[in-house]
Full PDB file with SEQRES, HELIX, SHEET, SSBOND, CRYST1, ORIGX, SCALE, CONECT and MASTER records, all heavy atoms in Angstrom:
SEQRES   1 A   29  LEU GLN ARG GLU ILE PRO PRO ASP ILE GLN ILE GLN ILE          
SEQRES   2 A   29  GLY SER GLN TRP TRP CYS LEU ARG ARG ARG THR ILE GLU          
SEQRES   3 A   29  TRP ILE LEU                                                  
HELIX    1 AA1 ARG A   22  ILE A   28  1                                   7    
CRYST1    1.000    1.000    1.000  90.00  90.00  90.00 P 1           1          
ORIGX1      1.000000  0.000000  0.000000        0.00000                         
ORIGX2      0.000000  1.000000  0.000000        0.00000                         
ORIGX3      0.000000  0.000000  1.000000        0.00000                         
SCALE1      1.000000  0.000000  0.000000        0.00000                         
SCALE2      0.000000  1.000000  0.000000        0.00000                         
SCALE3      0.000000  0.000000  1.000000        0.00000                         
ATOM      1  N   LEU A   1      40.647  56.349  15.062  1.00  0.00           N  
ATOM      2  CA  LEU A   1      40.003  55.611  16.149  1.00  0.00           C  
ATOM      3  C   LEU A   1      38.733  54.911  15.685  1.00  0.00           C  
ATOM      4  O   LEU A   1      37.826  54.653  16.474  1.00  0.00           O  
ATOM      5  CB  LEU A   1      39.672  56.571  17.304  1.00  0.00           C  
ATOM      6  CG  LEU A   1      40.876  57.224  17.985  1.00  0.00           C  
ATOM      7  CD1 LEU A   1      40.414  58.190  19.066  1.00  0.00           C  
ATOM      8  CD2 LEU A   1      41.797  56.157  18.582  1.00  0.00           C  
ATOM      9  N   GLN A   2      38.660  54.611  14.383  1.00  0.00           N  
ATOM     10  CA  GLN A   2      37.499  53.888  13.871  1.00  0.00           C  
ATOM     11  C   GLN A   2      37.395  52.528  14.551  1.00  0.00           C  
ATOM     12  O   GLN A   2      38.398  51.863  14.789  1.00  0.00           O  
ATOM     13  CB  GLN A   2      37.614  53.678  12.352  1.00  0.00           C  
ATOM     14  CG  GLN A   2      37.580  54.967  11.555  1.00  0.00           C  
ATOM     15  CD  GLN A   2      38.944  55.584  11.338  1.00  0.00           C  
ATOM     16  OE1 GLN A   2      39.857  55.314  12.125  1.00  0.00           O  
ATOM     17  NE2 GLN A   2      39.086  56.385  10.310  1.00  0.00           N  
ATOM     18  N   ARG A   3      36.184  52.116  14.856  1.00  0.00           N  
ATOM     19  CA  ARG A   3      35.993  50.837  15.536  1.00  0.00           C  
ATOM     20  C   ARG A   3      35.337  49.825  14.598  1.00  0.00           C  
ATOM     21  O   ARG A   3      34.722  50.187  13.579  1.00  0.00           O  
ATOM     22  CB  ARG A   3      35.116  51.020  16.773  1.00  0.00           C  
ATOM     23  CG  ARG A   3      33.741  51.586  16.452  1.00  0.00           C  
ATOM     24  CD  ARG A   3      32.895  51.691  17.678  1.00  0.00           C  
ATOM     25  NE  ARG A   3      31.661  52.415  17.402  1.00  0.00           N  
ATOM     26  CZ  ARG A   3      30.679  52.551  18.278  1.00  0.00           C  
ATOM     27  NH1 ARG A   3      30.788  52.026  19.479  1.00  0.00           N  
ATOM     28  NH2 ARG A   3      29.589  53.236  17.969  1.00  0.00           N  
ATOM     29  N   GLU A   4      35.445  48.571  14.979  1.00  0.00           N  
ATOM     30  CA  GLU A   4      34.858  47.497  14.192  1.00  0.00           C  
ATOM     31  C   GLU A   4      33.402  47.277  14.603  1.00  0.00           C  
ATOM     32  O   GLU A   4      33.051  47.393  15.788  1.00  0.00           O  
ATOM     33  CB  GLU A   4      35.641  46.198  14.400  1.00  0.00           C  
ATOM     34  CG  GLU A   4      37.084  46.249  13.903  1.00  0.00           C  
ATOM     35  CD  GLU A   4      37.157  46.356  12.383  1.00  0.00           C  
ATOM     36  OE1 GLU A   4      36.250  45.839  11.709  1.00  0.00           O  
ATOM     37  OE2 GLU A   4      38.125  46.975  11.893  1.00  0.00           O  
ATOM     38  N   ILE A   5      32.578  46.927  13.634  1.00  0.00           N  
ATOM     39  CA  ILE A   5      31.211  46.504  13.915  1.00  0.00           C  
ATOM     40  C   ILE A   5      31.272  45.058  14.409  1.00  0.00           C  
ATOM     41  O   ILE A   5      32.074  44.270  13.902  1.00  0.00           O  
ATOM     42  CB  ILE A   5      30.351  46.612  12.644  1.00  0.00           C  
ATOM     43  CG1 ILE A   5      30.255  48.076  12.202  1.00  0.00           C  
ATOM     44  CG2 ILE A   5      28.960  46.027  12.864  1.00  0.00           C  
ATOM     45  CD1 ILE A   5      29.653  48.263  10.834  1.00  0.00           C  
ATOM     46  N   PRO A   6      30.499  44.675  15.438  1.00  0.00           N  
ATOM     47  CA  PRO A   6      30.513  43.276  15.884  1.00  0.00           C  
ATOM     48  C   PRO A   6      30.417  42.329  14.690  1.00  0.00           C  
ATOM     49  O   PRO A   6      29.513  42.467  13.857  1.00  0.00           O  
ATOM     50  CB  PRO A   6      29.276  43.187  16.793  1.00  0.00           C  
ATOM     51  CG  PRO A   6      29.142  44.569  17.349  1.00  0.00           C  
ATOM     52  CD  PRO A   6      29.553  45.491  16.236  1.00  0.00           C  
ATOM     53  N   PRO A   7      31.325  41.384  14.562  1.00  0.00           N  
ATOM     54  CA  PRO A   7      31.481  40.617  13.326  1.00  0.00           C  
ATOM     55  C   PRO A   7      30.287  39.762  12.926  1.00  0.00           C  
ATOM     56  O   PRO A   7      30.085  39.492  11.733  1.00  0.00           O  
ATOM     57  CB  PRO A   7      32.709  39.735  13.607  1.00  0.00           C  
ATOM     58  CG  PRO A   7      32.826  39.696  15.102  1.00  0.00           C  
ATOM     59  CD  PRO A   7      32.319  41.014  15.581  1.00  0.00           C  
ATOM     60  N   ASP A   8      29.471  39.327  13.888  1.00  0.00           N  
ATOM     61  CA  ASP A   8      28.335  38.464  13.538  1.00  0.00           C  
ATOM     62  C   ASP A   8      27.046  39.247  13.346  1.00  0.00           C  
ATOM     63  O   ASP A   8      25.967  38.657  13.240  1.00  0.00           O  
ATOM     64  CB  ASP A   8      28.134  37.395  14.616  1.00  0.00           C  
ATOM     65  CG  ASP A   8      27.797  38.001  15.978  1.00  0.00           C  
ATOM     66  OD1 ASP A   8      28.247  39.140  16.237  1.00  0.00           O  
ATOM     67  OD2 ASP A   8      27.111  37.340  16.770  1.00  0.00           O  
ATOM     68  N   ILE A   9      27.155  40.561  13.306  1.00  0.00           N  
ATOM     69  CA  ILE A   9      25.968  41.422  13.169  1.00  0.00           C  
ATOM     70  C   ILE A   9      26.016  42.136  11.825  1.00  0.00           C  
ATOM     71  O   ILE A   9      27.005  42.804  11.500  1.00  0.00           O  
ATOM     72  CB  ILE A   9      25.903  42.469  14.312  1.00  0.00           C  
ATOM     73  CG1 ILE A   9      25.701  41.785  15.652  1.00  0.00           C  
ATOM     74  CG2 ILE A   9      24.789  43.476  14.050  1.00  0.00           C  
ATOM     75  CD1 ILE A   9      24.364  41.111  15.808  1.00  0.00           C  
ATOM     76  N   GLN A  10      24.946  42.016  11.047  1.00  0.00           N  
ATOM     77  CA  GLN A  10      24.823  42.772   9.803  1.00  0.00           C  
ATOM     78  C   GLN A  10      23.879  43.941  10.056  1.00  0.00           C  
ATOM     79  O   GLN A  10      22.681  43.737  10.276  1.00  0.00           O  
ATOM     80  CB  GLN A  10      24.281  41.884   8.681  1.00  0.00           C  
ATOM     81  CG  GLN A  10      24.232  42.598   7.329  1.00  0.00           C  
ATOM     82  CD  GLN A  10      23.732  41.681   6.222  1.00  0.00           C  
ATOM     83  OE1 GLN A  10      23.334  40.551   6.480  1.00  0.00           O  
ATOM     84  NE2 GLN A  10      23.749  42.176   5.000  1.00  0.00           N  
ATOM     85  N   ILE A  11      24.419  45.145  10.068  1.00  0.00           N  
ATOM     86  CA  ILE A  11      23.631  46.322  10.442  1.00  0.00           C  
ATOM     87  C   ILE A  11      22.524  46.571   9.427  1.00  0.00           C  
ATOM     88  O   ILE A  11      22.740  46.573   8.211  1.00  0.00           O  
ATOM     89  CB  ILE A  11      24.520  47.571  10.560  1.00  0.00           C  
ATOM     90  CG1 ILE A  11      25.640  47.325  11.581  1.00  0.00           C  
ATOM     91  CG2 ILE A  11      23.686  48.782  10.968  1.00  0.00           C  
ATOM     92  CD1 ILE A  11      25.157  47.082  12.986  1.00  0.00           C  
ATOM     93  N   GLN A  12      21.328  46.773   9.948  1.00  0.00           N  
ATOM     94  CA  GLN A  12      20.141  47.087   9.141  1.00  0.00           C  
ATOM     95  C   GLN A  12      19.652  48.488   9.526  1.00  0.00           C  
ATOM     96  O   GLN A  12      19.982  49.004  10.594  1.00  0.00           O  
ATOM     97  CB  GLN A  12      19.036  46.066   9.396  1.00  0.00           C  
ATOM     98  CG  GLN A  12      19.440  44.628   9.153  1.00  0.00           C  
ATOM     99  CD  GLN A  12      19.557  44.300   7.687  1.00  0.00           C  
ATOM    100  OE1 GLN A  12      18.644  44.519   6.909  1.00  0.00           O  
ATOM    101  NE2 GLN A  12      20.713  43.759   7.288  1.00  0.00           N  
ATOM    102  N   ILE A  13      18.838  49.058   8.658  1.00  0.00           N  
ATOM    103  CA  ILE A  13      18.296  50.392   8.939  1.00  0.00           C  
ATOM    104  C   ILE A  13      16.863  50.476   8.448  1.00  0.00           C  
ATOM    105  O   ILE A  13      16.481  49.777   7.490  1.00  0.00           O  
ATOM    106  CB  ILE A  13      19.151  51.499   8.278  1.00  0.00           C  
ATOM    107  CG1 ILE A  13      18.736  52.882   8.789  1.00  0.00           C  
ATOM    108  CG2 ILE A  13      19.086  51.424   6.745  1.00  0.00           C  
ATOM    109  CD1 ILE A  13      19.714  53.995   8.451  1.00  0.00           C  
ATOM    110  N   GLY A  14      16.057  51.294   9.111  1.00  0.00           N  
ATOM    111  CA  GLY A  14      14.666  51.463   8.703  1.00  0.00           C  
ATOM    112  C   GLY A  14      13.906  52.306   9.702  1.00  0.00           C  
ATOM    113  O   GLY A  14      14.458  52.807  10.690  1.00  0.00           O  
ATOM    114  N   SER A  15      12.634  52.459   9.446  1.00  0.00           N  
ATOM    115  CA  SER A  15      11.766  53.250  10.307  1.00  0.00           C  
ATOM    116  C   SER A  15      11.689  52.651  11.707  1.00  0.00           C  
ATOM    117  O   SER A  15      11.720  51.437  11.894  1.00  0.00           O  
ATOM    118  CB  SER A  15      10.358  53.307   9.700  1.00  0.00           C  
ATOM    119  OG  SER A  15       9.423  53.789  10.651  1.00  0.00           O  
ATOM    120  N   GLN A  16      11.593  53.516  12.717  1.00  0.00           N  
ATOM    121  CA  GLN A  16      11.488  53.055  14.098  1.00  0.00           C  
ATOM    122  C   GLN A  16      10.071  52.641  14.467  1.00  0.00           C  
ATOM    123  O   GLN A  16       9.819  52.214  15.592  1.00  0.00           O  
ATOM    124  CB  GLN A  16      11.980  54.123  15.079  1.00  0.00           C  
ATOM    125  CG  GLN A  16      11.196  55.426  15.076  1.00  0.00           C  
ATOM    126  CD  GLN A  16      11.747  56.445  14.112  1.00  0.00           C  
ATOM    127  OE1 GLN A  16      11.922  56.163  12.927  1.00  0.00           O  
ATOM    128  NE2 GLN A  16      12.018  57.639  14.605  1.00  0.00           N  
ATOM    129  N   TRP A  17       9.137  52.741  13.529  1.00  0.00           N  
ATOM    130  CA  TRP A  17       7.729  52.440  13.825  1.00  0.00           C  
ATOM    131  C   TRP A  17       7.421  51.005  13.406  1.00  0.00           C  
ATOM    132  O   TRP A  17       7.009  50.736  12.293  1.00  0.00           O  
ATOM    133  CB  TRP A  17       6.821  53.456  13.139  1.00  0.00           C  
ATOM    134  CG  TRP A  17       7.303  54.851  13.403  1.00  0.00           C  
ATOM    135  CD1 TRP A  17       7.864  55.710  12.525  1.00  0.00           C  
ATOM    136  CD2 TRP A  17       7.323  55.510  14.667  1.00  0.00           C  
ATOM    137  NE1 TRP A  17       8.236  56.872  13.149  1.00  0.00           N  
ATOM    138  CE2 TRP A  17       7.919  56.784  14.471  1.00  0.00           C  
ATOM    139  CE3 TRP A  17       6.903  55.152  15.944  1.00  0.00           C  
ATOM    140  CZ2 TRP A  17       8.108  57.688  15.504  1.00  0.00           C  
ATOM    141  CZ3 TRP A  17       7.092  56.062  16.973  1.00  0.00           C  
ATOM    142  CH2 TRP A  17       7.677  57.309  16.752  1.00  0.00           C  
ATOM    143  N   TRP A  18       7.637  50.069  14.342  1.00  0.00           N  
ATOM    144  CA  TRP A  18       7.515  48.655  14.050  1.00  0.00           C  
ATOM    145  C   TRP A  18       6.367  48.029  14.827  1.00  0.00           C  
ATOM    146  O   TRP A  18       5.824  48.602  15.782  1.00  0.00           O  
ATOM    147  CB  TRP A  18       8.812  47.922  14.378  1.00  0.00           C  
ATOM    148  CG  TRP A  18       9.529  48.334  15.642  1.00  0.00           C  
ATOM    149  CD1 TRP A  18      10.672  49.078  15.726  1.00  0.00           C  
ATOM    150  CD2 TRP A  18       9.163  48.027  17.001  1.00  0.00           C  
ATOM    151  NE1 TRP A  18      11.047  49.252  17.042  1.00  0.00           N  
ATOM    152  CE2 TRP A  18      10.143  48.609  17.849  1.00  0.00           C  
ATOM    153  CE3 TRP A  18       8.117  47.306  17.586  1.00  0.00           C  
ATOM    154  CZ2 TRP A  18      10.098  48.506  19.234  1.00  0.00           C  
ATOM    155  CZ3 TRP A  18       8.063  47.205  18.979  1.00  0.00           C  
ATOM    156  CH2 TRP A  18       9.042  47.809  19.786  1.00  0.00           C  
ATOM    157  N   CYS A  19       6.014  46.793  14.420  1.00  0.00           N  
ATOM    158  CA  CYS A  19       5.059  45.959  15.139  1.00  0.00           C  
ATOM    159  C   CYS A  19       5.654  44.551  15.212  1.00  0.00           C  
ATOM    160  O   CYS A  19       5.821  43.892  14.167  1.00  0.00           O  
ATOM    161  CB  CYS A  19       3.704  45.943  14.440  1.00  0.00           C  
ATOM    162  SG  CYS A  19       2.479  44.877  15.254  1.00  0.00           S  
ATOM    163  N   LEU A  20       5.980  44.087  16.421  1.00  0.00           N  
ATOM    164  CA  LEU A  20       6.677  42.817  16.608  1.00  0.00           C  
ATOM    165  C   LEU A  20       5.854  41.870  17.481  1.00  0.00           C  
ATOM    166  O   LEU A  20       5.132  42.297  18.389  1.00  0.00           O  
ATOM    167  CB  LEU A  20       8.040  43.053  17.269  1.00  0.00           C  
ATOM    168  CG  LEU A  20       8.998  44.003  16.534  1.00  0.00           C  
ATOM    169  CD1 LEU A  20      10.271  44.199  17.348  1.00  0.00           C  
ATOM    170  CD2 LEU A  20       9.323  43.494  15.138  1.00  0.00           C  
ATOM    171  N   ARG A  21       5.987  40.588  17.179  1.00  0.00           N  
ATOM    172  CA  ARG A  21       5.302  39.559  17.959  1.00  0.00           C  
ATOM    173  C   ARG A  21       5.938  39.415  19.352  1.00  0.00           C  
ATOM    174  O   ARG A  21       7.095  39.773  19.561  1.00  0.00           O  
ATOM    175  CB  ARG A  21       5.361  38.219  17.225  1.00  0.00           C  
ATOM    176  CG  ARG A  21       4.634  38.202  15.892  1.00  0.00           C  
ATOM    177  CD  ARG A  21       5.026  36.975  15.098  1.00  0.00           C  
ATOM    178  NE  ARG A  21       6.447  37.004  14.742  1.00  0.00           N  
ATOM    179  CZ  ARG A  21       7.093  35.997  14.164  1.00  0.00           C  
ATOM    180  NH1 ARG A  21       6.447  34.873  13.876  1.00  0.00           N  
ATOM    181  NH2 ARG A  21       8.376  36.100  13.878  1.00  0.00           N  
ATOM    182  N   ARG A  22       5.172  38.842  20.275  1.00  0.00           N  
ATOM    183  CA  ARG A  22       5.663  38.685  21.644  1.00  0.00           C  
ATOM    184  C   ARG A  22       6.935  37.842  21.673  1.00  0.00           C  
ATOM    185  O   ARG A  22       7.891  38.179  22.374  1.00  0.00           O  
ATOM    186  CB  ARG A  22       4.581  38.044  22.522  1.00  0.00           C  
ATOM    187  CG  ARG A  22       5.007  37.969  23.983  1.00  0.00           C  
ATOM    188  CD  ARG A  22       3.987  37.319  24.880  1.00  0.00           C  
ATOM    189  NE  ARG A  22       4.325  37.580  26.274  1.00  0.00           N  
ATOM    190  CZ  ARG A  22       3.891  38.606  26.988  1.00  0.00           C  
ATOM    191  NH1 ARG A  22       3.077  39.482  26.440  1.00  0.00           N  
ATOM    192  NH2 ARG A  22       4.265  38.769  28.246  1.00  0.00           N  
ATOM    193  N   ARG A  23       6.964  36.773  20.898  1.00  0.00           N  
ATOM    194  CA  ARG A  23       8.139  35.908  20.888  1.00  0.00           C  
ATOM    195  C   ARG A  23       9.378  36.687  20.463  1.00  0.00           C  
ATOM    196  O   ARG A  23      10.463  36.531  21.050  1.00  0.00           O  
ATOM    197  CB  ARG A  23       7.898  34.737  19.933  1.00  0.00           C  
ATOM    198  CG  ARG A  23       9.053  33.747  19.848  1.00  0.00           C  
ATOM    199  CD  ARG A  23       8.687  32.606  18.921  1.00  0.00           C  
ATOM    200  NE  ARG A  23       8.436  33.092  17.566  1.00  0.00           N  
ATOM    201  CZ  ARG A  23       7.939  32.321  16.588  1.00  0.00           C  
ATOM    202  NH1 ARG A  23       7.620  31.061  16.832  1.00  0.00           N  
ATOM    203  NH2 ARG A  23       7.752  32.824  15.381  1.00  0.00           N  
ATOM    204  N   THR A  24       9.239  37.540  19.477  1.00  0.00           N  
ATOM    205  CA  THR A  24      10.373  38.339  19.003  1.00  0.00           C  
ATOM    206  C   THR A  24      10.828  39.322  20.080  1.00  0.00           C  
ATOM    207  O   THR A  24      12.029  39.497  20.314  1.00  0.00           O  
ATOM    208  CB  THR A  24       9.981  39.095  17.715  1.00  0.00           C  
ATOM    209  OG1 THR A  24       9.559  38.158  16.728  1.00  0.00           O  
ATOM    210  CG2 THR A  24      11.148  39.913  17.189  1.00  0.00           C  
ATOM    211  N   ILE A  25       9.877  39.947  20.739  1.00  0.00           N  
ATOM    212  CA  ILE A  25      10.210  40.890  21.808  1.00  0.00           C  
ATOM    213  C   ILE A  25      10.961  40.176  22.936  1.00  0.00           C  
ATOM    214  O   ILE A  25      11.961  40.691  23.474  1.00  0.00           O  
ATOM    215  CB  ILE A  25       8.922  41.558  22.349  1.00  0.00           C  
ATOM    216  CG1 ILE A  25       8.388  42.592  21.334  1.00  0.00           C  
ATOM    217  CG2 ILE A  25       9.177  42.221  23.696  1.00  0.00           C  
ATOM    218  CD1 ILE A  25       9.259  43.806  21.143  1.00  0.00           C  
ATOM    219  N   GLU A  26      10.509  38.989  23.295  1.00  0.00           N  
ATOM    220  CA  GLU A  26      11.188  38.249  24.367  1.00  0.00           C  
ATOM    221  C   GLU A  26      12.599  37.856  23.947  1.00  0.00           C  
ATOM    222  O   GLU A  26      13.531  37.883  24.761  1.00  0.00           O  
ATOM    223  CB  GLU A  26      10.354  37.023  24.741  1.00  0.00           C  
ATOM    224  CG  GLU A  26       9.058  37.407  25.466  1.00  0.00           C  
ATOM    225  CD  GLU A  26       8.134  36.220  25.701  1.00  0.00           C  
ATOM    226  OE1 GLU A  26       8.346  35.158  25.048  1.00  0.00           O  
ATOM    227  OE2 GLU A  26       7.192  36.351  26.514  1.00  0.00           O  
ATOM    228  N   TRP A  27      12.784  37.480  22.680  1.00  0.00           N  
ATOM    229  CA  TRP A  27      14.122  37.185  22.169  1.00  0.00           C  
ATOM    230  C   TRP A  27      15.026  38.416  22.263  1.00  0.00           C  
ATOM    231  O   TRP A  27      16.196  38.322  22.616  1.00  0.00           O  
ATOM    232  CB  TRP A  27      14.052  36.694  20.725  1.00  0.00           C  
ATOM    233  CG  TRP A  27      13.590  35.285  20.576  1.00  0.00           C  
ATOM    234  CD1 TRP A  27      13.523  34.328  21.554  1.00  0.00           C  
ATOM    235  CD2 TRP A  27      13.131  34.669  19.365  1.00  0.00           C  
ATOM    236  NE1 TRP A  27      13.044  33.150  21.038  1.00  0.00           N  
ATOM    237  CE2 TRP A  27      12.799  33.319  19.692  1.00  0.00           C  
ATOM    238  CE3 TRP A  27      12.959  35.091  18.058  1.00  0.00           C  
ATOM    239  CZ2 TRP A  27      12.320  32.418  18.751  1.00  0.00           C  
ATOM    240  CZ3 TRP A  27      12.484  34.196  17.108  1.00  0.00           C  
ATOM    241  CH2 TRP A  27      12.165  32.884  17.452  1.00  0.00           C  
ATOM    242  N   ILE A  28      14.468  39.582  21.915  1.00  0.00           N  
ATOM    243  CA  ILE A  28      15.254  40.823  21.965  1.00  0.00           C  
ATOM    244  C   ILE A  28      15.677  41.119  23.401  1.00  0.00           C  
ATOM    245  O   ILE A  28      16.836  41.475  23.665  1.00  0.00           O  
ATOM    246  CB  ILE A  28      14.446  41.998  21.370  1.00  0.00           C  
ATOM    247  CG1 ILE A  28      14.321  41.847  19.852  1.00  0.00           C  
ATOM    248  CG2 ILE A  28      15.102  43.335  21.722  1.00  0.00           C  
ATOM    249  CD1 ILE A  28      13.415  42.870  19.201  1.00  0.00           C  
ATOM    250  N   LEU A  29      14.757  40.960  24.350  1.00  0.00           N  
ATOM    251  CA  LEU A  29      15.093  41.226  25.753  1.00  0.00           C  
ATOM    252  C   LEU A  29      16.161  40.248  26.257  1.00  0.00           C  
ATOM    253  O   LEU A  29      17.041  40.635  27.036  1.00  0.00           O  
ATOM    254  CB  LEU A  29      13.833  41.161  26.616  1.00  0.00           C  
ATOM    255  CG  LEU A  29      12.782  42.258  26.340  1.00  0.00           C  
ATOM    256  CD1 LEU A  29      11.577  42.077  27.248  1.00  0.00           C  
ATOM    257  CD2 LEU A  29      13.374  43.657  26.507  1.00  0.00           C  
TER     258      LEU A  29                                                      
MASTER        0    0    0    1    0    0    0    6  257    1    0    3          
END                                                                             
């Protein structure tokens, strides 16, 4: 039952302690 990763997304990994600009946060939302 393995599933596919969304094809246009390249999975990244790292620390959850980030600092993002307002423009980036609005894009994420």
